[in-house]
PDB file of all heavy atoms in Angstrom:
ATOM      1  N   MET A   1       1.285  15.238 -11.048  1.00  0.00           N
ATOM      2  CA  MET A   1       0.867  15.897  -9.816  1.00  0.00           C
ATOM      3  C   MET A   1      -0.119  17.041 -10.039  1.00  0.00           C
ATOM      4  O   MET A   1      -1.006  17.239  -9.215  1.00  0.00           O
ATOM      5  CB  MET A   1       2.103  16.422  -9.061  1.00  0.00           C
ATOM      6  CG  MET A   1       3.043  15.342  -8.618  1.00  0.00           C
ATOM      7  SD  MET A   1       2.195  14.071  -7.635  1.00  0.00           S
ATOM      8  CE  MET A   1       3.475  12.849  -7.567  1.00  0.00           C
ATOM      9  N   CYS A   2       0.006  17.756 -11.129  1.00  0.00           N
ATOM     10  CA  CYS A   2      -0.937  18.849 -11.394  1.00  0.00           C
ATOM     11  C   CYS A   2      -2.363  18.298 -11.512  1.00  0.00           C
ATOM     12  O   CYS A   2      -3.288  18.819 -10.889  1.00  0.00           O
ATOM     13  CB  CYS A   2      -0.531  19.611 -12.640  1.00  0.00           C
ATOM     14  SG  CYS A   2      -1.552  21.040 -12.977  1.00  0.00           S
ATOM     15  N   GLU A   3      -2.525  17.253 -12.300  1.00  0.00           N
ATOM     16  CA  GLU A   3      -3.836  16.643 -12.470  1.00  0.00           C
ATOM     17  C   GLU A   3      -4.313  16.034 -11.162  1.00  0.00           C
ATOM     18  O   GLU A   3      -5.490  16.143 -10.798  1.00  0.00           O
ATOM     19  CB  GLU A   3      -3.813  15.580 -13.565  1.00  0.00           C
ATOM     20  CG  GLU A   3      -3.603  16.109 -14.954  1.00  0.00           C
ATOM     21  CD  GLU A   3      -2.128  16.198 -15.337  1.00  0.00           C
ATOM     22  OE1 GLU A   3      -1.242  16.121 -14.450  1.00  0.00           O
ATOM     23  OE2 GLU A   3      -1.859  16.394 -16.524  1.00  0.00           O
ATOM     24  N   ALA A   4      -3.393  15.403 -10.426  1.00  0.00           N
ATOM     25  CA  ALA A   4      -3.752  14.794  -9.138  1.00  0.00           C
ATOM     26  C   ALA A   4      -4.287  15.834  -8.180  1.00  0.00           C
ATOM     27  O   ALA A   4      -5.287  15.622  -7.489  1.00  0.00           O
ATOM     28  CB  ALA A   4      -2.542  14.102  -8.528  1.00  0.00           C
ATOM     29  N   LEU A   5      -3.643  17.011  -8.155  1.00  0.00           N
ATOM     30  CA  LEU A   5      -4.080  18.061  -7.236  1.00  0.00           C
ATOM     31  C   LEU A   5      -5.471  18.596  -7.633  1.00  0.00           C
ATOM     32  O   LEU A   5      -6.297  18.848  -6.755  1.00  0.00           O
ATOM     33  CB  LEU A   5      -3.066  19.205  -7.196  1.00  0.00           C
ATOM     34  CG  LEU A   5      -3.341  20.277  -6.152  1.00  0.00           C
ATOM     35  CD1 LEU A   5      -3.415  19.681  -4.740  1.00  0.00           C
ATOM     36  CD2 LEU A   5      -2.266  21.336  -6.227  1.00  0.00           C
ATOM     37  N   VAL A   6      -5.743  18.705  -8.917  1.00  0.00           N
ATOM     38  CA  VAL A   6      -7.057  19.172  -9.357  1.00  0.00           C
ATOM     39  C   VAL A   6      -8.144  18.220  -8.846  1.00  0.00           C
ATOM     40  O   VAL A   6      -9.167  18.652  -8.293  1.00  0.00           O
ATOM     41  CB  VAL A   6      -7.124  19.293 -10.896  1.00  0.00           C
ATOM     42  CG1 VAL A   6      -8.553  19.506 -11.370  1.00  0.00           C
ATOM     43  CG2 VAL A   6      -6.228  20.441 -11.377  1.00  0.00           C
ATOM     44  N   TYR A   7      -7.939  16.929  -9.021  1.00  0.00           N
ATOM     45  CA  TYR A   7      -8.939  15.957  -8.566  1.00  0.00           C
ATOM     46  C   TYR A   7      -9.020  15.890  -7.037  1.00  0.00           C
ATOM     47  O   TYR A   7     -10.108  15.763  -6.471  1.00  0.00           O
ATOM     48  CB  TYR A   7      -8.647  14.567  -9.135  1.00  0.00           C
ATOM     49  CG  TYR A   7      -9.062  14.445 -10.579  1.00  0.00           C
ATOM     50  CD1 TYR A   7      -8.126  14.472 -11.593  1.00  0.00           C
ATOM     51  CD2 TYR A   7     -10.398  14.318 -10.898  1.00  0.00           C
ATOM     52  CE1 TYR A   7      -8.529  14.359 -12.930  1.00  0.00           C
ATOM     53  CE2 TYR A   7     -10.811  14.204 -12.223  1.00  0.00           C
ATOM     54  CZ  TYR A   7      -9.871  14.231 -13.225  1.00  0.00           C
ATOM     55  OH  TYR A   7     -10.275  14.115 -14.541  1.00  0.00           O
ATOM     56  N   ALA A   8      -7.887  16.010  -6.351  1.00  0.00           N
ATOM     57  CA  ALA A   8      -7.899  16.010  -4.896  1.00  0.00           C
ATOM     58  C   ALA A   8      -8.686  17.208  -4.362  1.00  0.00           C
ATOM     59  O   ALA A   8      -9.482  17.081  -3.428  1.00  0.00           O
ATOM     60  CB  ALA A   8      -6.477  15.996  -4.348  1.00  0.00           C
ATOM     61  N   MET A   9      -8.487  18.344  -4.971  1.00  0.00           N
ATOM     62  CA  MET A   9      -9.219  19.548  -4.541  1.00  0.00           C
ATOM     63  C   MET A   9     -10.719  19.425  -4.864  1.00  0.00           C
ATOM     64  O   MET A   9     -11.543  19.917  -4.112  1.00  0.00           O
ATOM     65  CB  MET A   9      -8.631  20.797  -5.178  1.00  0.00           C
ATOM     66  CG  MET A   9      -7.212  21.122  -4.686  1.00  0.00           C
ATOM     67  SD  MET A   9      -7.086  21.287  -2.893  1.00  0.00           S
ATOM     68  CE  MET A   9      -8.109  22.719  -2.632  1.00  0.00           C
ATOM     69  N   THR A  10     -11.045  18.731  -5.945  1.00  0.00           N
ATOM     70  CA  THR A  10     -12.456  18.471  -6.257  1.00  0.00           C
ATOM     71  C   THR A  10     -13.089  17.631  -5.149  1.00  0.00           C
ATOM     72  O   THR A  10     -14.220  17.881  -4.735  1.00  0.00           O
ATOM     73  CB  THR A  10     -12.592  17.770  -7.614  1.00  0.00           C
ATOM     74  OG1 THR A  10     -12.050  18.617  -8.633  1.00  0.00           O
ATOM     75  CG2 THR A  10     -14.037  17.414  -7.930  1.00  0.00           C
ATOM     76  N   ALA A  11     -12.339  16.655  -4.657  1.00  0.00           N
ATOM     77  CA  ALA A  11     -12.841  15.815  -3.558  1.00  0.00           C
ATOM     78  C   ALA A  11     -13.052  16.646  -2.299  1.00  0.00           C
ATOM     79  O   ALA A  11     -14.045  16.469  -1.591  1.00  0.00           O
ATOM     80  CB  ALA A  11     -11.864  14.668  -3.299  1.00  0.00           C
ATOM     81  N   VAL A  12     -12.134  17.558  -2.018  1.00  0.00           N
ATOM     82  CA  VAL A  12     -12.284  18.422  -0.841  1.00  0.00           C
ATOM     83  C   VAL A  12     -13.514  19.322  -1.011  1.00  0.00           C
ATOM     84  O   VAL A  12     -14.278  19.520  -0.079  1.00  0.00           O
ATOM     85  CB  VAL A  12     -11.021  19.280  -0.623  1.00  0.00           C
ATOM     86  CG1 VAL A  12     -11.255  20.369   0.406  1.00  0.00           C
ATOM     87  CG2 VAL A  12      -9.845  18.408  -0.198  1.00  0.00           C
ATOM     88  N   GLU A  13     -13.688  19.876  -2.191  1.00  0.00           N
ATOM     89  CA  GLU A  13     -14.859  20.729  -2.449  1.00  0.00           C
ATOM     90  C   GLU A  13     -16.177  19.971  -2.331  1.00  0.00           C
ATOM     91  O   GLU A  13     -17.174  20.503  -1.854  1.00  0.00           O
ATOM     92  CB  GLU A  13     -14.750  21.372  -3.819  1.00  0.00           C
ATOM     93  CG  GLU A  13     -13.667  22.429  -3.901  1.00  0.00           C
ATOM     94  CD  GLU A  13     -13.393  22.895  -5.310  1.00  0.00           C
ATOM     95  OE1 GLU A  13     -14.143  22.517  -6.231  1.00  0.00           O
ATOM     96  OE2 GLU A  13     -12.408  23.621  -5.510  1.00  0.00           O
ATOM     97  N   ALA A  14     -16.179  18.705  -2.763  1.00  0.00           N
ATOM     98  CA  ALA A  14     -17.395  17.888  -2.696  1.00  0.00           C
ATOM     99  C   ALA A  14     -17.767  17.588  -1.250  1.00  0.00           C
ATOM    100  O   ALA A  14     -18.953  17.626  -0.915  1.00  0.00           O
ATOM    101  CB  ALA A  14     -17.219  16.598  -3.484  1.00  0.00           C
ATOM    102  N   GLU A  15     -16.776  17.285  -0.428  1.00  0.00           N
ATOM    103  CA  GLU A  15     -17.034  16.972   0.982  1.00  0.00           C
ATOM    104  C   GLU A  15     -15.896  17.527   1.829  1.00  0.00           C
ATOM    105  O   GLU A  15     -14.947  16.832   2.156  1.00  0.00           O
ATOM    106  CB  GLU A  15     -17.168  15.459   1.167  1.00  0.00           C
ATOM    107  CG  GLU A  15     -18.413  14.876   0.511  1.00  0.00           C
ATOM    108  CD  GLU A  15     -18.683  13.473   0.970  1.00  0.00           C
ATOM    109  OE1 GLU A  15     -18.809  13.261   2.193  1.00  0.00           O
ATOM    110  OE2 GLU A  15     -18.791  12.594   0.114  1.00  0.00           O
ATOM    111  N   PRO A  16     -15.995  18.810   2.161  1.00  0.00           N
ATOM    112  CA  PRO A  16     -14.893  19.488   2.839  1.00  0.00           C
ATOM    113  C   PRO A  16     -14.527  18.953   4.225  1.00  0.00           C
ATOM    114  O   PRO A  16     -13.424  19.206   4.699  1.00  0.00           O
ATOM    115  CB  PRO A  16     -15.344  20.946   2.949  1.00  0.00           C
ATOM    116  CG  PRO A  16     -16.751  20.985   2.523  1.00  0.00           C
ATOM    117  CD  PRO A  16     -17.100  19.696   1.879  1.00  0.00           C
ATOM    118  N   LEU A  17     -15.401  18.199   4.846  1.00  0.00           N
ATOM    119  CA  LEU A  17     -15.110  17.693   6.184  1.00  0.00           C
ATOM    120  C   LEU A  17     -14.503  16.280   6.153  1.00  0.00           C
ATOM    121  O   LEU A  17     -14.187  15.736   7.212  1.00  0.00           O
ATOM    122  CB  LEU A  17     -16.361  17.710   7.059  1.00  0.00           C
ATOM    123  CG  LEU A  17     -16.982  19.100   7.265  1.00  0.00           C
ATOM    124  CD1 LEU A  17     -18.234  19.002   8.119  1.00  0.00           C
ATOM    125  CD2 LEU A  17     -15.973  20.058   7.871  1.00  0.00           C
ATOM    126  N   ARG A  18     -14.343  15.693   4.984  1.00  0.00           N
ATOM    127  CA  ARG A  18     -13.785  14.345   4.865  1.00  0.00           C
ATOM    128  C   ARG A  18     -12.269  14.375   4.959  1.00  0.00           C
ATOM    129  O   ARG A  18     -11.582  15.011   4.165  1.00  0.00           O
ATOM    130  CB  ARG A  18     -14.179  13.690   3.548  1.00  0.00           C
ATOM    131  CG  ARG A  18     -15.592  13.273   3.479  1.00  0.00           C
ATOM    132  CD  ARG A  18     -15.795  12.070   4.367  1.00  0.00           C
ATOM    133  NE  ARG A  18     -17.136  11.588   4.192  1.00  0.00           N
ATOM    134  CZ  ARG A  18     -17.525  10.400   4.560  1.00  0.00           C
ATOM    135  NH1 ARG A  18     -16.693   9.592   5.129  1.00  0.00           N
ATOM    136  NH2 ARG A  18     -18.778  10.043   4.370  1.00  0.00           N
ATOM    137  N   GLU A  19     -11.751  13.655   5.947  1.00  0.00           N
ATOM    138  CA  GLU A  19     -10.300  13.610   6.143  1.00  0.00           C
ATOM    139  C   GLU A  19      -9.586  12.973   4.951  1.00  0.00           C
ATOM    140  O   GLU A  19      -8.487  13.382   4.584  1.00  0.00           O
ATOM    141  CB  GLU A  19      -9.968  12.837   7.412  1.00  0.00           C
ATOM    142  CG  GLU A  19      -8.489  12.782   7.714  1.00  0.00           C
ATOM    143  CD  GLU A  19      -8.201  11.994   8.982  1.00  0.00           C
ATOM    144  OE1 GLU A  19      -9.092  11.792   9.815  1.00  0.00           O
ATOM    145  OE2 GLU A  19      -7.036  11.595   9.122  1.00  0.00           O
ATOM    146  N   SER A  20     -10.197  11.963   4.338  1.00  0.00           N
ATOM    147  CA  SER A  20      -9.521  11.267   3.223  1.00  0.00           C
ATOM    148  C   SER A  20      -9.221  12.211   2.061  1.00  0.00           C
ATOM    149  O   SER A  20      -8.182  12.077   1.410  1.00  0.00           O
ATOM    150  CB  SER A  20     -10.373  10.082   2.750  1.00  0.00           C
ATOM    151  OG  SER A  20     -11.651  10.526   2.352  1.00  0.00           O
ATOM    152  N   ALA A  21     -10.089  13.158   1.810  1.00  0.00           N
ATOM    153  CA  ALA A  21      -9.840  14.113   0.735  1.00  0.00           C
ATOM    154  C   ALA A  21      -8.663  15.023   1.077  1.00  0.00           C
ATOM    155  O   ALA A  21      -7.791  15.253   0.247  1.00  0.00           O
ATOM    156  CB  ALA A  21     -11.090  14.953   0.457  1.00  0.00           C
ATOM    157  N   HIS A  22      -8.610  15.500   2.304  1.00  0.00           N
ATOM    158  CA  HIS A  22      -7.498  16.349   2.731  1.00  0.00           C
ATOM    159  C   HIS A  22      -6.196  15.560   2.772  1.00  0.00           C
ATOM    160  O   HIS A  22      -5.132  16.076   2.445  1.00  0.00           O
ATOM    161  CB  HIS A  22      -7.802  16.979   4.081  1.00  0.00           C
ATOM    162  CG  HIS A  22      -8.876  18.002   4.027  1.00  0.00           C
ATOM    163  ND1 HIS A  22      -8.640  19.298   3.615  1.00  0.00           N
ATOM    164  CD2 HIS A  22     -10.197  17.930   4.283  1.00  0.00           C
ATOM    165  CE1 HIS A  22      -9.774  19.979   3.644  1.00  0.00           C
ATOM    166  NE2 HIS A  22     -10.742  19.165   4.037  1.00  0.00           N
ATOM    167  N   ARG A  23      -6.293  14.285   3.165  1.00  0.00           N
ATOM    168  CA  ARG A  23      -5.097  13.423   3.178  1.00  0.00           C
ATOM    169  C   ARG A  23      -4.546  13.274   1.766  1.00  0.00           C
ATOM    170  O   ARG A  23      -3.335  13.260   1.563  1.00  0.00           O
ATOM    171  CB  ARG A  23      -5.475  12.067   3.777  1.00  0.00           C
ATOM    172  CG  ARG A  23      -4.260  11.239   4.115  1.00  0.00           C
ATOM    173  CD  ARG A  23      -4.591   9.905   4.751  1.00  0.00           C
ATOM    174  NE  ARG A  23      -5.595  10.014   5.788  1.00  0.00           N
ATOM    175  CZ  ARG A  23      -6.735   9.324   5.818  1.00  0.00           C
ATOM    176  NH1 ARG A  23      -7.021   8.471   4.867  1.00  0.00           N
ATOM    177  NH2 ARG A  23      -7.591   9.470   6.798  1.00  0.00           N
ATOM    178  N   GLU A  24      -5.433  13.168   0.771  1.00  0.00           N
ATOM    179  CA  GLU A  24      -4.981  13.038  -0.626  1.00  0.00           C
ATOM    180  C   GLU A  24      -4.284  14.314  -1.091  1.00  0.00           C
ATOM    181  O   GLU A  24      -3.262  14.270  -1.758  1.00  0.00           O
ATOM    182  CB  GLU A  24      -6.145  12.673  -1.543  1.00  0.00           C
ATOM    183  CG  GLU A  24      -5.756  12.504  -2.990  1.00  0.00           C
ATOM    184  CD  GLU A  24      -4.740  11.418  -3.256  1.00  0.00           C
ATOM    185  OE1 GLU A  24      -4.546  10.503  -2.426  1.00  0.00           O
ATOM    186  OE2 GLU A  24      -4.120  11.462  -4.331  1.00  0.00           O
ATOM    187  N   VAL A  25      -4.838  15.477  -0.722  1.00  0.00           N
ATOM    188  CA  VAL A  25      -4.176  16.749  -1.073  1.00  0.00           C
ATOM    189  C   VAL A  25      -2.774  16.769  -0.480  1.00  0.00           C
ATOM    190  O   VAL A  25      -1.797  17.129  -1.133  1.00  0.00           O
ATOM    191  CB  VAL A  25      -4.999  17.969  -0.599  1.00  0.00           C
ATOM    192  CG1 VAL A  25      -4.200  19.259  -0.740  1.00  0.00           C
ATOM    193  CG2 VAL A  25      -6.301  18.073  -1.377  1.00  0.00           C
ATOM    194  N   THR A  26      -2.654  16.342   0.783  1.00  0.00           N
ATOM    195  CA  THR A  26      -1.345  16.303   1.444  1.00  0.00           C
ATOM    196  C   THR A  26      -0.400  15.333   0.730  1.00  0.00           C
ATOM    197  O   THR A  26       0.764  15.640   0.514  1.00  0.00           O
ATOM    198  CB  THR A  26      -1.513  15.885   2.915  1.00  0.00           C
ATOM    199  OG1 THR A  26      -2.349  16.828   3.568  1.00  0.00           O
ATOM    200  CG2 THR A  26      -0.176  15.816   3.620  1.00  0.00           C
ATOM    201  N   ALA A  27      -0.923  14.173   0.308  1.00  0.00           N
ATOM    202  CA  ALA A  27      -0.098  13.195  -0.402  1.00  0.00           C
ATOM    203  C   ALA A  27       0.399  13.760  -1.726  1.00  0.00           C
ATOM    204  O   ALA A  27       1.542  13.498  -2.107  1.00  0.00           O
ATOM    205  CB  ALA A  27      -0.901  11.920  -0.633  1.00  0.00           C
ATOM    206  N   VAL A  28      -0.414  14.545  -2.405  1.00  0.00           N
ATOM    207  CA  VAL A  28       0.025  15.156  -3.676  1.00  0.00           C
ATOM    208  C   VAL A  28       1.144  16.149  -3.388  1.00  0.00           C
ATOM    209  O   VAL A  28       2.164  16.156  -4.081  1.00  0.00           O
ATOM    210  CB  VAL A  28      -1.150  15.833  -4.397  1.00  0.00           C
ATOM    211  CG1 VAL A  28      -0.645  16.630  -5.606  1.00  0.00           C
ATOM    212  CG2 VAL A  28      -2.179  14.819  -4.837  1.00  0.00           C
ATOM    213  N   HIS A  29       0.974  16.979  -2.347  1.00  0.00           N
ATOM    214  CA  HIS A  29       2.032  17.923  -2.006  1.00  0.00           C
ATOM    215  C   HIS A  29       3.337  17.194  -1.668  1.00  0.00           C
ATOM    216  O   HIS A  29       4.415  17.606  -2.092  1.00  0.00           O
ATOM    217  CB  HIS A  29       1.613  18.798  -0.846  1.00  0.00           C
ATOM    218  CG  HIS A  29       0.641  19.873  -1.219  1.00  0.00           C
ATOM    219  ND1 HIS A  29       0.948  20.883  -2.100  1.00  0.00           N
ATOM    220  CD2 HIS A  29      -0.637  20.081  -0.850  1.00  0.00           C
ATOM    221  CE1 HIS A  29      -0.090  21.679  -2.237  1.00  0.00           C
ATOM    222  NE2 HIS A  29      -1.078  21.205  -1.505  1.00  0.00           N
ATOM    223  N   LEU A  30       3.237  16.094  -0.920  1.00  0.00           N
ATOM    224  CA  LEU A  30       4.413  15.302  -0.605  1.00  0.00           C
ATOM    225  C   LEU A  30       5.032  14.731  -1.874  1.00  0.00           C
ATOM    226  O   LEU A  30       6.251  14.682  -2.003  1.00  0.00           O
ATOM    227  CB  LEU A  30       4.053  14.174   0.362  1.00  0.00           C
ATOM    228  CG  LEU A  30       3.791  14.600   1.791  1.00  0.00           C
ATOM    229  CD1 LEU A  30       3.283  13.397   2.593  1.00  0.00           C
ATOM    230  CD2 LEU A  30       5.014  15.189   2.422  1.00  0.00           C
TER     231      LEU A  30
END
């Protein structure tokens, strides 16, 4: 999960308005 969150946050930083990136961050938290 630690590595997953790093990559998910990278996706959010690359395209902050993309829902799929935020959904992945949420999935990691879950």
